[in-house]
Amino acid sequence: MLSRFIESYLQLKLPAGLSISLEVVENDQQQHMQGLVTSAGTTSHPAYYHHQPKLGIPCARNTSIHAALSRQASHIAFVDDDERFDPDWLVNIWAYLNSQPEETVVHGAVYSVLPPSAPTYYEAFFQRQIEPTDTALDFCRTNNVILPLTVLTRHGLWFDESKPLAGGTDSKLFRAAHALGVPIKSCAEAVIYEDIPLERANVRWLSHRNFRIGLTMGEQASQGADANQVTHFLRQSGKATSCLTKYLARTLLLQRKEKNIRYWFKACKTIGCGLGSLGVKVDAYKNVQGH
C-alpha cells in the first residue's frame, strides 16, 4: 500500500510556485521502509524517511509535525499510507485553501475502494460522508487535510500521546482547534482514494471499528460543560438495546443481511459511546493490517 501511495504522490500536479516534500514516518520498532522511501523521490517530488519507534499513531503524527517544522514549511498536509492521491488533489485543495481566511483548516474527500472479492454492500459501511465544498465542520481527521503550521504552533496543539494505541486523537486535536476559533472547511474536489484491505471487509472488523468510533464520541460527549456521564451512559444503553432488538427481529424474519446488519453496527457504536463516556478505552491500533 505504501508503494501505491508513493506512486500516486509522484503523479501529483503542482500549483505554480509551490514546492513540496513527502515526509514518511515509519511507526515501528524496526526500520523496514527506509530504502523504499528514499529511493522514490524526485527533484520536484522529494521523499524523506523518518523513524518513530514509540508505537502509536499520535506519536507518528507528532513526528511528522517536527519534520515539517525542520523543513521550515508553511503548511502541513496529513494523509494515510493506505490511500492514493487523485493527480489534481494538491492543485484543488491548495486553490481552495488560498481562497479562505488565514489559518483555515481544509479537509478533502475520501472515497473508499473495496477489493473485488469483498461483498459490494460493505461499501456503504466504509464510505464516509462527503461534505459539499465550503461546508463548515466542527472537526476533521488526518486522512485528507491541509493546514498552516501556525494553527498548531500558535495554539500549542499536538496529538495526544497519553493513550497512543486507542485512536481518535486526530478528531480530538481538530475539535480543540475549532474550539479555539480555527475555521475548518470541506473541499469535495480534493479527492483521495482509500484502499480497504480484504481482512477488514467483514462484520467482525466493522463491529470493532464502530465500537471504537463510539468510544471516541462518548469521551468527547463526557467533556461537555453540562455532561452527565451516568445519564449519557443510560441513554446510549437504551439506544443500543433498541438497535439490537431490531437487528435480532429482522434476522429472525430472514430479511436481507445488508439491510439488517446496519442495526448491529449502530448497536456497536452506541454501546461504545456509552462506555466511552465512562472513560473506557481499547487499544484499537495494536495490530497492523494490510500489505
Protein backbone atom coordinates (compact mmCIF):
# COMPACT_ATOMS: atom_id res chain seq x y z
CA MET A 1 0.00 0.00 0.00
CA LEU A 2 2.86 2.39 0.76
CA SER A 3 4.27 1.77 -2.72
CA ARG A 4 0.91 2.65 -4.29
CA PHE A 5 0.67 5.74 -2.14
CA ILE A 6 4.16 6.96 -3.12
CA GLU A 7 3.45 6.31 -6.78
CA SER A 8 0.34 8.49 -6.57
CA TYR A 9 2.38 11.20 -4.81
CA LEU A 10 4.84 11.24 -7.70
CA GLN A 11 1.92 11.83 -10.09
CA LEU A 12 0.64 14.90 -8.23
CA LYS A 13 0.29 18.08 -10.28
CA LEU A 14 1.97 21.04 -8.58
CA PRO A 15 0.46 24.50 -8.25
CA ALA A 16 2.66 27.24 -9.69
CA GLY A 17 5.35 28.41 -7.29
CA LEU A 18 4.71 25.70 -4.68
CA SER A 19 7.42 23.30 -3.51
CA ILE A 20 6.53 20.16 -1.58
CA SER A 21 8.13 17.24 0.22
CA LEU A 22 6.82 13.89 1.36
CA GLU A 23 7.72 13.01 4.96
CA VAL A 24 7.03 9.32 5.60
CA VAL A 25 7.07 8.26 9.26
CA GLU A 26 7.58 4.56 9.90
CA ASN A 27 5.97 3.75 13.23
CA ASP A 28 7.68 0.50 14.15
CA GLN A 29 10.39 -0.68 16.49
CA GLN A 30 12.34 -1.86 13.44
CA GLN A 31 13.16 0.04 10.25
CA HIS A 32 11.82 -1.68 7.14
CA MET A 33 10.77 1.02 4.67
CA GLN A 34 13.71 3.41 4.52
CA GLY A 35 15.03 2.09 1.19
CA LEU A 36 11.60 2.17 -0.41
CA VAL A 37 11.02 5.78 0.62
CA THR A 38 14.42 7.32 -0.03
CA SER A 39 14.76 5.73 -3.47
CA ALA A 40 11.39 7.02 -4.63
CA GLY A 41 11.82 10.79 -4.53
CA THR A 42 12.43 13.07 -7.49
CA THR A 43 13.64 16.65 -7.79
CA SER A 44 10.10 18.03 -7.97
CA HIS A 45 8.62 15.43 -5.59
CA PRO A 46 11.25 14.67 -2.92
CA ALA A 47 10.60 11.97 -0.32
CA TYR A 48 12.16 11.68 3.13
CA TYR A 49 12.11 8.91 5.70
CA HIS A 50 11.62 9.21 9.47
CA HIS A 51 11.59 6.52 12.12
CA GLN A 52 9.40 6.68 15.25
CA PRO A 53 9.94 3.55 17.40
CA LYS A 54 7.36 4.58 20.03
CA LEU A 55 4.25 2.78 18.82
CA GLY A 56 1.07 4.75 18.29
CA ILE A 57 -0.48 6.86 15.54
CA PRO A 58 -0.29 10.14 17.51
CA CYS A 59 3.44 9.55 18.01
CA ALA A 60 3.90 9.21 14.25
CA ARG A 61 1.76 12.27 13.57
CA ASN A 62 3.77 14.38 16.03
CA THR A 63 6.97 13.20 14.36
CA SER A 64 5.60 14.46 11.04
CA ILE A 65 4.95 17.87 12.61
CA HIS A 66 8.55 18.02 13.79
CA ALA A 67 9.66 17.05 10.26
CA ALA A 68 7.59 19.86 8.73
CA LEU A 69 8.99 22.37 11.22
CA SER A 70 12.53 21.26 10.42
CA ARG A 71 11.86 21.95 6.73
CA GLN A 72 10.60 25.42 7.68
CA ALA A 73 7.39 24.57 5.85
CA SER A 74 4.47 26.98 5.81
CA HIS A 75 1.82 24.22 5.66
CA ILE A 76 1.41 20.57 6.54
CA ALA A 77 -0.91 18.00 4.96
CA PHE A 78 -1.78 14.68 6.58
CA VAL A 79 -2.77 11.56 4.63
CA ASP A 80 -2.67 7.83 5.39
CA ASP A 81 -0.42 5.21 3.83
CA ASP A 82 -3.38 3.11 2.64
CA GLU A 83 -4.60 5.95 0.44
CA ARG A 84 -3.88 7.26 -3.06
CA PHE A 85 -3.93 10.81 -4.37
CA ASP A 86 -6.01 11.90 -7.32
CA PRO A 87 -3.50 13.73 -9.57
CA ASP A 88 -5.41 17.03 -9.13
CA TRP A 89 -5.62 16.75 -5.33
CA LEU A 90 -2.94 19.28 -4.45
CA VAL A 91 -3.97 21.80 -7.12
CA ASN A 92 -7.58 21.72 -5.92
CA ILE A 93 -7.01 21.76 -2.17
CA TRP A 94 -4.33 24.47 -2.45
CA ALA A 95 -6.56 26.71 -4.56
CA TYR A 96 -9.44 26.36 -2.13
CA LEU A 97 -7.20 26.90 0.91
CA ASN A 98 -5.92 30.15 -0.54
CA SER A 99 -9.48 31.38 -1.07
CA GLN A 100 -10.16 31.12 2.67
CA PRO A 101 -9.19 33.31 5.63
CA GLU A 102 -5.73 32.85 7.09
CA GLU A 103 -5.27 29.82 9.38
CA THR A 104 -8.15 27.84 7.91
CA VAL A 105 -8.04 24.03 8.03
CA VAL A 106 -9.26 22.30 4.85
CA HIS A 107 -10.46 18.69 4.74
CA GLY A 108 -10.85 16.88 1.42
CA ALA A 109 -12.97 13.98 0.22
CA VAL A 110 -12.01 10.34 0.85
CA TYR A 111 -13.54 7.61 -1.30
CA SER A 112 -13.26 4.02 -0.02
CA VAL A 113 -12.28 1.35 -2.55
CA LEU A 114 -13.09 -2.27 -1.69
CA PRO A 115 -11.17 -5.25 -3.09
CA PRO A 116 -13.05 -7.04 -5.91
CA SER A 117 -13.71 -10.12 -3.77
CA ALA A 118 -15.46 -8.20 -0.98
CA PRO A 119 -19.29 -8.12 -0.83
CA THR A 120 -20.43 -4.94 -2.57
CA TYR A 121 -22.89 -3.98 0.18
CA TYR A 122 -19.96 -3.40 2.55
CA GLU A 123 -19.15 -0.23 0.63
CA ALA A 124 -21.88 1.67 2.45
CA PHE A 125 -20.32 0.78 5.80
CA PHE A 126 -16.85 2.01 4.82
CA GLN A 127 -17.70 5.12 2.84
CA ARG A 128 -17.58 8.26 4.97
CA GLN A 129 -19.92 11.11 4.18
CA ILE A 130 -18.59 13.51 1.54
CA GLU A 131 -19.44 17.05 2.56
CA PRO A 132 -20.12 19.66 -0.16
CA THR A 133 -17.36 22.18 -0.74
CA ASP A 134 -17.39 25.11 1.68
CA THR A 135 -19.21 23.19 4.42
CA ALA A 136 -18.16 24.40 7.87
CA LEU A 137 -17.02 21.49 10.06
CA ASP A 138 -16.66 21.05 13.82
CA PHE A 139 -13.74 18.67 13.38
CA CYS A 140 -11.95 16.57 10.78
CA ARG A 141 -9.45 13.72 10.55
CA THR A 142 -5.93 13.29 9.22
CA ASN A 143 -6.96 11.10 6.27
CA ASN A 144 -7.05 14.13 3.95
CA VAL A 145 -6.34 17.52 5.48
CA ILE A 146 -4.10 20.55 4.96
CA LEU A 147 -3.46 23.45 7.32
CA PRO A 148 -0.96 26.23 8.01
CA LEU A 149 1.59 25.11 10.58
CA THR A 150 0.82 28.24 12.58
CA VAL A 151 -2.54 26.68 13.52
CA LEU A 152 -0.54 24.17 15.55
CA THR A 153 2.38 26.30 16.74
CA ARG A 154 0.40 29.39 17.76
CA HIS A 155 -2.01 27.34 19.86
CA GLY A 156 0.49 24.74 21.10
CA LEU A 157 -1.51 21.89 19.57
CA TRP A 158 -0.06 18.37 19.43
CA PHE A 159 -1.62 14.94 19.07
CA ASP A 160 -2.31 13.39 22.47
CA GLU A 161 0.16 10.55 23.14
CA SER A 162 -1.23 9.57 26.55
CA LYS A 163 -3.08 6.55 25.06
CA PRO A 164 -1.20 6.08 21.81
CA LEU A 165 -2.94 2.92 20.58
CA ALA A 166 -6.52 3.92 21.35
CA GLY A 167 -7.34 6.07 18.30
CA GLY A 168 -9.40 9.24 17.93
CA THR A 169 -6.54 11.66 18.64
CA ASP A 170 -6.88 13.38 15.26
CA SER A 171 -10.52 14.34 15.73
CA LYS A 172 -9.64 15.39 19.30
CA LEU A 173 -6.95 17.80 18.08
CA PHE A 174 -9.15 19.37 15.42
CA ARG A 175 -12.06 19.72 17.84
CA ALA A 176 -9.68 21.59 20.13
CA ALA A 177 -8.59 23.82 17.23
CA HIS A 178 -12.23 24.55 16.34
CA ALA A 179 -12.99 25.42 19.96
CA LEU A 180 -10.17 28.00 19.75
CA GLY A 181 -11.85 29.64 16.77
CA VAL A 182 -9.96 27.95 13.94
CA PRO A 183 -12.29 27.53 10.91
CA ILE A 184 -12.47 24.05 9.34
CA LYS A 185 -13.88 23.79 5.81
CA SER A 186 -14.52 20.97 3.37
CA CYS A 187 -13.28 20.73 -0.22
CA ALA A 188 -15.01 17.96 -2.16
CA GLU A 189 -12.77 18.49 -5.20
CA ALA A 190 -9.66 17.45 -3.23
CA VAL A 191 -10.03 13.70 -3.74
CA ILE A 192 -8.12 10.84 -2.14
CA TYR A 193 -8.90 7.13 -2.52
CA GLU A 194 -8.65 4.74 0.45
CA ASP A 195 -7.83 1.11 -0.38
CA ILE A 196 -9.60 -1.22 2.06
CA PRO A 197 -7.59 -4.40 2.89
CA LEU A 198 -9.58 -7.59 2.39
CA GLU A 199 -9.12 -8.55 6.06
CA ARG A 200 -11.18 -5.51 7.04
CA ALA A 201 -14.15 -6.32 4.80
CA ASN A 202 -16.03 -8.40 7.36
CA VAL A 203 -18.56 -7.99 10.16
CA ARG A 204 -16.03 -8.53 12.94
CA TRP A 205 -13.68 -5.72 11.86
CA LEU A 206 -16.54 -3.32 11.17
CA SER A 207 -18.04 -4.11 14.57
CA HIS A 208 -14.75 -3.20 16.26
CA ARG A 209 -14.49 -0.06 14.16
CA ASN A 210 -17.97 1.16 15.09
CA PHE A 211 -17.33 0.36 18.75
CA ARG A 212 -14.06 2.33 18.66
CA ILE A 213 -15.75 5.29 16.95
CA GLY A 214 -18.40 5.19 19.66
CA LEU A 215 -15.75 5.24 22.39
CA THR A 216 -14.27 8.43 20.92
CA MET A 217 -17.71 10.02 20.60
CA GLY A 218 -18.54 9.11 24.18
CA GLU A 219 -15.28 10.51 25.52
CA GLN A 220 -15.89 13.81 23.73
CA ALA A 221 -19.51 13.97 24.89
CA SER A 222 -18.45 13.45 28.50
CA GLN A 223 -16.21 16.52 28.35
CA GLY A 224 -19.05 18.95 27.72
CA ALA A 225 -19.80 21.62 30.28
CA ASP A 226 -23.18 20.13 31.19
CA ALA A 227 -22.27 16.47 30.63
CA ASN A 228 -23.61 13.81 32.99
CA GLN A 229 -21.74 10.55 32.49
CA VAL A 230 -24.35 8.27 34.05
CA THR A 231 -27.25 9.87 32.16
CA HIS A 232 -25.32 9.67 28.90
CA PHE A 233 -24.43 6.01 29.52
CA LEU A 234 -28.06 5.08 30.26
CA ARG A 235 -29.32 6.96 27.20
CA GLN A 236 -26.83 5.20 24.92
CA SER A 237 -27.63 1.83 26.52
CA GLY A 238 -31.30 2.36 25.64
CA LYS A 239 -30.41 3.19 22.03
CA ALA A 240 -28.16 0.12 21.81
CA THR A 241 -30.94 -2.12 23.14
CA SER A 242 -33.33 -0.73 20.53
CA CYS A 243 -30.83 -1.35 17.72
CA LEU A 244 -30.10 -4.89 18.93
CA THR A 245 -33.82 -5.67 19.12
CA LYS A 246 -34.32 -4.50 15.52
CA TYR A 247 -31.31 -6.49 14.36
CA LEU A 248 -32.48 -9.72 16.02
CA ALA A 249 -36.06 -9.29 14.82
CA ARG A 250 -35.04 -8.65 11.23
CA THR A 251 -32.56 -11.55 11.34
CA LEU A 252 -35.24 -13.97 12.59
CA LEU A 253 -37.52 -12.78 9.80
CA LEU A 254 -34.72 -13.60 7.33
CA GLN A 255 -34.64 -10.12 5.90
CA ARG A 256 -31.75 -9.03 3.69
CA LYS A 257 -28.44 -9.19 5.52
CA GLU A 258 -27.16 -5.92 4.10
CA LYS A 259 -30.25 -4.16 5.46
CA ASN A 260 -30.47 -5.53 8.97
CA ILE A 261 -26.75 -5.61 9.75
CA ARG A 262 -26.67 -1.84 9.92
CA TYR A 263 -28.63 -2.10 13.16
CA TRP A 264 -25.88 -4.31 14.58
CA PHE A 265 -23.24 -1.72 13.68
CA LYS A 266 -25.38 1.06 15.21
CA ALA A 267 -25.62 -1.01 18.39
CA CYS A 268 -21.82 -1.42 18.48
CA LYS A 269 -21.35 2.34 18.08
CA THR A 270 -23.91 3.30 20.74
CA ILE A 271 -22.51 0.76 23.23
CA GLY A 272 -19.09 2.25 22.63
CA CYS A 273 -20.48 5.76 23.03
CA GLY A 274 -21.95 4.87 26.42
CA LEU A 275 -18.78 3.19 27.66
CA GLY A 276 -16.60 5.97 26.26
CA SER A 277 -18.41 8.49 28.41
CA LEU A 278 -17.30 6.43 31.42
CA GLY A 279 -13.65 6.57 30.34
CA VAL A 280 -13.35 3.11 28.75
CA LYS A 281 -10.54 2.80 26.16
CA VAL A 282 -9.29 -0.03 23.95
CA ASP A 283 -6.03 -0.39 22.04
CA ALA A 284 -7.66 -0.46 18.62
CA TYR A 285 -4.39 0.02 16.73
CA LYS A 286 -2.38 -2.72 18.37
CA ASN A 287 -2.20 -4.86 15.23
CA VAL A 288 -1.02 -3.85 11.75
CA GLN A 289 -3.23 -4.72 8.78
CA GLY A 290 -2.62 -4.54 5.06
CA HIS A 291 0.47 -5.22 2.95
